[in-house]
PDB file of N, CA and C in Angstrom:
ATOM      1  N   MET A   1    -101.976 188.875  58.377  1.00  0.00           N
ATOM      2  CA  MET A   1    -100.832 189.564  57.845  1.00  0.00           C
ATOM      3  C   MET A   1    -100.589 189.068  56.419  1.00  0.00           C
ATOM      4  N   THR A   2    -100.539 189.984  55.498  1.00  0.00           N
ATOM      5  CA  THR A   2    -100.239 189.641  54.112  1.00  0.00           C
ATOM      6  C   THR A   2     -98.734 189.544  53.940  1.00  0.00           C
ATOM      7  N   ALA A   3     -98.289 188.462  53.358  1.00  0.00           N
ATOM      8  CA  ALA A   3     -96.856 188.277  53.127  1.00  0.00           C
ATOM      9  C   ALA A   3     -96.515 188.690  51.706  1.00  0.00           C
ATOM     10  N   ILE A   4     -95.392 189.360  51.570  1.00  0.00           N
ATOM     11  CA  ILE A   4     -94.899 189.784  50.267  1.00  0.00           C
ATOM     12  C   ILE A   4     -93.550 189.116  50.067  1.00  0.00           C
ATOM     13  N   ARG A   5     -93.390 188.453  48.957  1.00  0.00           N
ATOM     14  CA  ARG A   5     -92.145 187.749  48.670  1.00  0.00           C
ATOM     15  C   ARG A   5     -91.115 188.740  48.137  1.00  0.00           C
ATOM     16  N   LYS A   6     -89.901 188.637  48.669  1.00  0.00           N
ATOM     17  CA  LYS A   6     -88.778 189.477  48.254  1.00  0.00           C
ATOM     18  C   LYS A   6     -87.615 188.566  47.883  1.00  0.00           C
ATOM     19  N   THR A   7     -86.798 189.036  46.983  1.00  0.00           N
ATOM     20  CA  THR A   7     -85.559 188.334  46.640  1.00  0.00           C
ATOM     21  C   THR A   7     -84.413 189.126  47.245  1.00  0.00           C
ATOM     22  N   VAL A   8     -83.569 188.441  47.997  1.00  0.00           N
ATOM     23  CA  VAL A   8     -82.449 189.091  48.663  1.00  0.00           C
ATOM     24  C   VAL A   8     -81.171 188.404  48.207  1.00  0.00           C
ATOM     25  N   THR A   9     -80.185 189.194  47.843  1.00  0.00           N
ATOM     26  CA  THR A   9     -78.894 188.652  47.434  1.00  0.00           C
ATOM     27  C   THR A   9     -77.883 188.902  48.545  1.00  0.00           C
ATOM     28  N   LEU A  10     -77.223 187.828  48.993  1.00  0.00           N
ATOM     29  CA  LEU A  10     -76.233 187.917  50.050  1.00  0.00           C
ATOM     30  C   LEU A  10     -74.884 187.432  49.529  1.00  0.00           C
ATOM     31  N   THR A  11     -73.833 187.908  50.151  1.00  0.00           N
ATOM     32  CA  THR A  11     -72.521 187.350  49.852  1.00  0.00           C
ATOM     33  C   THR A  11     -72.451 185.957  50.477  1.00  0.00           C
ATOM     34  N   LYS A  12     -71.461 185.178  50.092  1.00  0.00           N
ATOM     35  CA  LYS A  12     -71.284 183.845  50.660  1.00  0.00           C
ATOM     36  C   LYS A  12     -71.090 183.937  52.179  1.00  0.00           C
ATOM     37  N   GLN A  13     -70.292 184.913  52.604  1.00  0.00           N
ATOM     38  CA  GLN A  13     -70.038 185.088  54.030  1.00  0.00           C
ATOM     39  C   GLN A  13     -71.338 185.440  54.777  1.00  0.00           C
ATOM     40  N   GLN A  14     -72.156 186.313  54.208  1.00  0.00           N
ATOM     41  CA  GLN A  14     -73.423 186.675  54.843  1.00  0.00           C
ATOM     42  C   GLN A  14     -74.354 185.469  54.913  1.00  0.00           C
ATOM     43  N   ASP A  15     -74.405 184.687  53.839  1.00  0.00           N
ATOM     44  CA  ASP A  15     -75.245 183.498  53.825  1.00  0.00           C
ATOM     45  C   ASP A  15     -74.798 182.506  54.891  1.00  0.00           C
ATOM     46  N   GLN A  16     -73.494 182.352  55.045  1.00  0.00           N
ATOM     47  CA  GLN A  16     -72.972 181.455  56.083  1.00  0.00           C
ATOM     48  C   GLN A  16     -73.356 181.950  57.476  1.00  0.00           C
ATOM     49  N   TRP A  17     -73.331 183.263  57.651  1.00  0.00           N
ATOM     50  CA  TRP A  17     -73.718 183.847  58.941  1.00  0.00           C
ATOM     51  C   TRP A  17     -75.182 183.536  59.240  1.00  0.00           C
ATOM     52  N   VAL A  18     -76.045 183.765  58.266  1.00  0.00           N
ATOM     53  CA  VAL A  18     -77.473 183.501  58.452  1.00  0.00           C
ATOM     54  C   VAL A  18     -77.685 182.026  58.780  1.00  0.00           C
ATOM     55  N   LYS A  19     -77.048 181.144  58.032  1.00  0.00           N
ATOM     56  CA  LYS A  19     -77.181 179.707  58.279  1.00  0.00           C
ATOM     57  C   LYS A  19     -76.686 179.339  59.681  1.00  0.00           C
ATOM     58  N   ALA A  20     -75.629 179.993  60.142  1.00  0.00           N
ATOM     59  CA  ALA A  20     -75.106 179.724  61.484  1.00  0.00           C
ATOM     60  C   ALA A  20     -76.113 180.134  62.555  1.00  0.00           C
ATOM     61  N   GLN A  21     -76.804 181.257  62.332  1.00  0.00           N
ATOM     62  CA  GLN A  21     -77.815 181.707  63.285  1.00  0.00           C
ATOM     63  C   GLN A  21     -78.969 180.716  63.357  1.00  0.00           C
ATOM     64  N   ILE A  22     -79.321 180.180  62.220  1.00  0.00           N
ATOM     65  CA  ILE A  22     -80.390 179.184  62.154  1.00  0.00           C
ATOM     66  C   ILE A  22     -79.932 177.882  62.820  1.00  0.00           C
ATOM     67  N   SER A  23     -78.715 177.451  62.517  1.00  0.00           N
ATOM     68  CA  SER A  23     -78.170 176.224  63.109  1.00  0.00           C
ATOM     69  C   SER A  23     -78.062 176.325  64.629  1.00  0.00           C
ATOM     70  N   ALA A  24     -77.790 177.533  65.113  1.00  0.00           N
ATOM     71  CA  ALA A  24     -77.671 177.754  66.556  1.00  0.00           C
ATOM     72  C   ALA A  24     -79.037 177.774  67.240  1.00  0.00           C
ATOM     73  N   GLY A  25     -80.108 177.709  66.446  1.00  0.00           N
ATOM     74  CA  GLY A  25     -81.455 177.674  67.016  1.00  0.00           C
ATOM     75  C   GLY A  25     -82.051 179.032  67.297  1.00  0.00           C
ATOM     76  N   ARG A  26     -81.388 180.087  66.851  1.00  0.00           N
ATOM     77  CA  ARG A  26     -81.914 181.435  67.090  1.00  0.00           C
ATOM     78  C   ARG A  26     -83.109 181.741  66.194  1.00  0.00           C
ATOM     79  N   PHE A  27     -83.126 181.122  65.025  1.00  0.00           N
ATOM     80  CA  PHE A  27     -84.197 181.328  64.044  1.00  0.00           C
ATOM     81  C   PHE A  27     -84.486 179.994  63.373  1.00  0.00           C
ATOM     82  N   THR A  28     -85.691 179.874  62.825  1.00  0.00           N
ATOM     83  CA  THR A  28     -86.045 178.614  62.171  1.00  0.00           C
ATOM     84  C   THR A  28     -85.759 178.625  60.683  1.00  0.00           C
ATOM     85  N   ASN A  29     -85.652 179.832  60.093  1.00  0.00           N
ATOM     86  CA  ASN A  29     -85.359 179.912  58.663  1.00  0.00           C
ATOM     87  C   ASN A  29     -84.847 181.307  58.303  1.00  0.00           C
ATOM     88  N   ASP A  30     -84.420 181.465  57.058  1.00  0.00           N
ATOM     89  CA  ASP A  30     -83.871 182.748  56.584  1.00  0.00           C
ATOM     90  C   ASP A  30     -84.876 183.886  56.741  1.00  0.00           C
ATOM     91  N   SER A  31     -86.111 183.624  56.404  1.00  0.00           N
ATOM     92  CA  SER A  31     -87.136 184.671  56.450  1.00  0.00           C
ATOM     93  C   SER A  31     -87.335 185.193  57.870  1.00  0.00           C
ATOM     94  N   GLU A  32     -87.354 184.280  58.833  1.00  0.00           N
ATOM     95  CA  GLU A  32     -87.521 184.701  60.225  1.00  0.00           C
ATOM     96  C   GLU A  32     -86.359 185.596  60.653  1.00  0.00           C
ATOM     97  N   TYR A  33     -85.155 185.246  60.229  1.00  0.00           N
ATOM     98  CA  TYR A  33     -83.978 186.051  60.560  1.00  0.00           C
ATOM     99  C   TYR A  33     -84.078 187.451  59.953  1.00  0.00           C
ATOM    100  N   ILE A  34     -84.427 187.534  58.685  1.00  0.00           N
ATOM    101  CA  ILE A  34     -84.550 188.829  58.004  1.00  0.00           C
ATOM    102  C   ILE A  34     -85.662 189.664  58.638  1.00  0.00           C
ATOM    103  N   ARG A  35     -86.793 189.052  58.945  1.00  0.00           N
ATOM    104  CA  ARG A  35     -87.883 189.800  59.591  1.00  0.00           C
ATOM    105  C   ARG A  35     -87.437 190.350  60.939  1.00  0.00           C
ATOM    106  N   ASP A  36     -86.641 189.568  61.695  1.00  0.00           N
ATOM    107  CA  ASP A  36     -86.139 190.040  62.975  1.00  0.00           C
ATOM    108  C   ASP A  36     -85.217 191.248  62.786  1.00  0.00           C
ATOM    109  N   LEU A  37     -84.374 191.200  61.764  1.00  0.00           N
ATOM    110  CA  LEU A  37     -83.503 192.348  61.478  1.00  0.00           C
ATOM    111  C   LEU A  37     -84.320 193.595  61.157  1.00  0.00           C
ATOM    112  N   VAL A  38     -85.363 193.435  60.375  1.00  0.00           N
ATOM    113  CA  VAL A  38     -86.206 194.584  60.008  1.00  0.00           C
ATOM    114  C   VAL A  38     -86.902 195.132  61.253  1.00  0.00           C
ATOM    115  N   ARG A  39     -87.441 194.248  62.101  1.00  0.00           N
ATOM    116  CA  ARG A  39     -88.104 194.704  63.329  1.00  0.00           C
ATOM    117  C   ARG A  39     -87.147 195.483  64.219  1.00  0.00           C
ATOM    118  N   ARG A  40     -85.929 194.956  64.396  1.00  0.00           N
ATOM    119  CA  ARG A  40     -84.955 195.648  65.242  1.00  0.00           C
ATOM    120  C   ARG A  40     -84.552 196.996  64.646  1.00  0.00           C
ATOM    121  N   ASP A  41     -84.442 197.054  63.331  1.00  0.00           N
ATOM    122  CA  ASP A  41     -84.117 198.322  62.680  1.00  0.00           C
ATOM    123  C   ASP A  41     -85.245 199.324  62.872  1.00  0.00           C
ATOM    124  N   GLN A  42     -86.483 198.855  62.780  1.00  0.00           N
ATOM    125  CA  GLN A  42     -87.629 199.739  63.008  1.00  0.00           C
ATOM    126  C   GLN A  42     -87.627 200.270  64.439  1.00  0.00           C
ATOM    127  N   GLU A  43     -87.350 199.379  65.410  1.00  0.00           N
ATOM    128  CA  GLU A  43     -87.301 199.802  66.811  1.00  0.00           C
ATOM    129  C   GLU A  43     -86.189 200.821  67.051  1.00  0.00           C
ATOM    130  N   ARG A  44     -85.023 200.564  66.447  1.00  0.00           N
ATOM    131  CA  ARG A  44     -83.888 201.490  66.595  1.00  0.00           C
ATOM    132  C   ARG A  44     -84.227 202.858  66.000  1.00  0.00           C
ATOM    133  N   HIS A  45     -84.877 202.848  64.852  1.00  0.00           N
ATOM    134  CA  HIS A  45     -85.270 204.095  64.203  1.00  0.00           C
ATOM    135  C   HIS A  45     -86.256 204.863  65.082  1.00  0.00           C
ATOM    136  N   THR A  46     -87.226 204.154  65.641  1.00  0.00           N
ATOM    137  CA  THR A  46     -88.212 204.788  66.516  1.00  0.00           C
ATOM    138  C   THR A  46     -87.537 205.364  67.752  1.00  0.00           C
ATOM    139  N   SER A  47     -86.596 204.624  68.336  1.00  0.00           N
ATOM    140  CA  SER A  47     -85.868 205.120  69.512  1.00  0.00           C
ATOM    141  C   SER A  47     -85.045 206.346  69.170  1.00  0.00           C
ATOM    142  N   ALA A  48     -84.403 206.336  68.004  1.00  0.00           N
ATOM    143  CA  ALA A  48     -83.591 207.479  67.586  1.00  0.00           C
ATOM    144  C   ALA A  48     -84.471 208.707  67.392  1.00  0.00           C
ATOM    145  N   LEU A  49     -85.650 208.512  66.811  1.00  0.00           N
ATOM    146  CA  LEU A  49     -86.563 209.649  66.632  1.00  0.00           C
ATOM    147  C   LEU A  49     -86.970 210.223  67.980  1.00  0.00           C
ATOM    148  N   GLY A  50     -87.246 209.349  68.950  1.00  0.00           N
ATOM    149  CA  GLY A  50     -87.619 209.813  70.288  1.00  0.00           C
ATOM    150  C   GLY A  50     -86.488 210.580  70.945  1.00  0.00           C
ATOM    151  N   LEU A  51     -85.278 210.094  70.791  1.00  0.00           N
ATOM    152  CA  LEU A  51     -84.118 210.780  71.369  1.00  0.00           C
ATOM    153  C   LEU A  51     -83.919 212.142  70.704  1.00  0.00           C
ATOM    154  N   ARG A  52     -84.023 212.173  69.393  1.00  0.00           N
ATOM    155  CA  ARG A  52     -83.891 213.468  68.685  1.00  0.00           C
ATOM    156  C   ARG A  52     -84.954 214.451  69.155  1.00  0.00           C
ATOM    157  N   GLN A  53     -86.182 213.959  69.344  1.00  0.00           N
ATOM    158  CA  GLN A  53     -87.260 214.840  69.795  1.00  0.00           C
ATOM    159  C   GLN A  53     -86.982 215.340  71.210  1.00  0.00           C
ATOM    160  N   ALA A  54     -86.473 214.465  72.076  1.00  0.00           N
ATOM    161  CA  ALA A  54     -86.157 214.882  73.444  1.00  0.00           C
ATOM    162  C   ALA A  54     -85.071 215.945  73.456  1.00  0.00           C
ATOM    163  N   VAL A  55     -84.057 215.771  72.619  1.00  0.00           N
ATOM    164  CA  VAL A  55     -82.996 216.771  72.521  1.00  0.00           C
ATOM    165  C   VAL A  55     -83.570 218.088  72.015  1.00  0.00           C
ATOM    166  N   GLN A  56     -84.399 218.014  70.987  1.00  0.00           N
ATOM    167  CA  GLN A  56     -84.993 219.241  70.444  1.00  0.00           C
ATOM    168  C   GLN A  56     -85.878 219.917  71.476  1.00  0.00           C
ATOM    169  N   ASP A  57     -86.661 219.136  72.221  1.00  0.00           N
ATOM    170  CA  ASP A  57     -87.509 219.714  73.270  1.00  0.00           C
ATOM    171  C   ASP A  57     -86.650 220.429  74.304  1.00  0.00           C
ATOM    172  N   GLY A  58     -85.519 219.820  74.654  1.00  0.00           N
ATOM    173  CA  GLY A  58     -84.619 220.462  75.609  1.00  0.00           C
ATOM    174  C   GLY A  58     -84.054 221.760  75.067  1.00  0.00           C
ATOM    175  N   LEU A  59     -83.655 221.757  73.811  1.00  0.00           N
ATOM    176  CA  LEU A  59     -83.141 222.977  73.194  1.00  0.00           C
ATOM    177  C   LEU A  59     -84.214 224.047  73.103  1.00  0.00           C
ATOM    178  N   ASP A  60     -85.420 223.617  72.744  1.00  0.00           N
ATOM    179  CA  ASP A  60     -86.528 224.567  72.609  1.00  0.00           C
ATOM    180  C   ASP A  60     -86.961 225.148  73.948  1.00  0.00           C
ATOM    181  N   SER A  61     -86.651 224.483  75.054  1.00  0.00           N
ATOM    182  CA  SER A  61     -87.096 224.953  76.365  1.00  0.00           C
ATOM    183  C   SER A  61     -86.413 226.258  76.755  1.00  0.00           C
ATOM    184  N   GLY A  62     -85.240 226.505  76.166  1.00  0.00           N
ATOM    185  CA  GLY A  62     -84.541 227.738  76.481  1.00  0.00           C
ATOM    186  C   GLY A  62     -83.779 227.673  77.791  1.00  0.00           C
ATOM    187  N   ILE A  63     -83.868 226.562  78.493  1.00  0.00           N
ATOM    188  CA  ILE A  63     -83.175 226.414  79.767  1.00  0.00           C
ATOM    189  C   ILE A  63     -81.845 225.725  79.497  1.00  0.00           C
ATOM    190  N   TYR A  64     -80.769 226.370  79.888  1.00  0.00           N
ATOM    191  CA  TYR A  64     -79.453 225.784  79.683  1.00  0.00           C
ATOM    192  C   TYR A  64     -78.573 226.093  80.872  1.00  0.00           C
ATOM    193  N   ASP A  65     -78.021 225.061  81.440  1.00  0.00           N
ATOM    194  CA  ASP A  65     -77.059 225.223  82.516  1.00  0.00           C
ATOM    195  C   ASP A  65     -75.838 224.406  82.137  1.00  0.00           C
ATOM    196  N   GLY A  66     -75.020 225.005  81.302  1.00  0.00           N
ATOM    197  CA  GLY A  66     -73.850 224.313  80.784  1.00  0.00           C
ATOM    198  C   GLY A  66     -72.903 223.861  81.871  1.00  0.00           C
ATOM    199  N   ASP A  67     -72.772 224.652  82.944  1.00  0.00           N
ATOM    200  CA  ASP A  67     -71.868 224.271  84.022  1.00  0.00           C
ATOM    201  C   ASP A  67     -72.328 222.975  84.677  1.00  0.00           C
ATOM    202  N   ALA A  68     -73.633 222.859  84.927  1.00  0.00           N
ATOM    203  CA  ALA A  68     -74.154 221.641  85.553  1.00  0.00           C
ATOM    204  C   ALA A  68     -73.954 220.445  84.635  1.00  0.00           C
ATOM    205  N   PHE A  69     -74.144 220.645  83.349  1.00  0.00           N
ATOM    206  CA  PHE A  69     -73.951 219.565  82.383  1.00  0.00           C
ATOM    207  C   PHE A  69     -72.494 219.127  82.364  1.00  0.00           C
ATOM    208  N   GLU A  70     -71.597 220.095  82.289  1.00  0.00           N
ATOM    209  CA  GLU A  70     -70.177 219.764  82.233  1.00  0.00           C
ATOM    210  C   GLU A  70     -69.712 219.121  83.515  1.00  0.00           C
ATOM    211  N   ASP A  71     -70.250 219.571  84.676  1.00  0.00           N
ATOM    212  CA  ASP A  71     -69.901 218.952  85.953  1.00  0.00           C
ATOM    213  C   ASP A  71     -70.349 217.494  85.963  1.00  0.00           C
ATOM    214  N   ALA A  72     -71.528 217.239  85.457  1.00  0.00           N
ATOM    215  CA  ALA A  72     -72.069 215.882  85.446  1.00  0.00           C
ATOM    216  C   ALA A  72     -71.242 214.986  84.532  1.00  0.00           C
ATOM    217  N   ARG A  73     -70.695 215.534  83.475  1.00  0.00           N
ATOM    218  CA  ARG A  73     -69.894 214.762  82.527  1.00  0.00           C
ATOM    219  C   ARG A  73     -68.433 214.662  82.950  1.00  0.00           C
ATOM    220  N   GLY A  74     -68.054 215.408  83.974  1.00  0.00           N
ATOM    221  CA  GLY A  74     -66.674 215.382  84.425  1.00  0.00           C
ATOM    222  C   GLY A  74     -65.753 216.211  83.551  1.00  0.00           C
ATOM    223  N   TRP A  75     -66.283 217.221  82.893  1.00  0.00           N
ATOM    224  CA  TRP A  75     -65.497 218.045  81.974  1.00  0.00           C
ATOM    225  C   TRP A  75     -64.955 219.306  82.626  1.00  0.00           C
ATOM    226  N   THR A  76     -65.063 219.405  83.908  1.00  0.00           N
ATOM    227  CA  THR A  76     -64.593 220.635  84.570  1.00  0.00           C
ATOM    228  C   THR A  76     -63.118 220.585  84.853  1.00  0.00           C
TER     229      THR A  76
END
């Protein structure tokens, strides 16, 4: 894996938060914490894309039973 150095500017409060996460043993350094945030953001983005695709597939199917949906949601 090729590493690329980045400069990140944080507020004092954000820096204290990162340091607290490291002190708590969740991460060994700032870089590990930032990489974890990026990985989680990537996973969330991928999950959101999958959900959007599932919704679109459902819409494209042409099958709609609004009454069953509303009954399941308790909206009747």
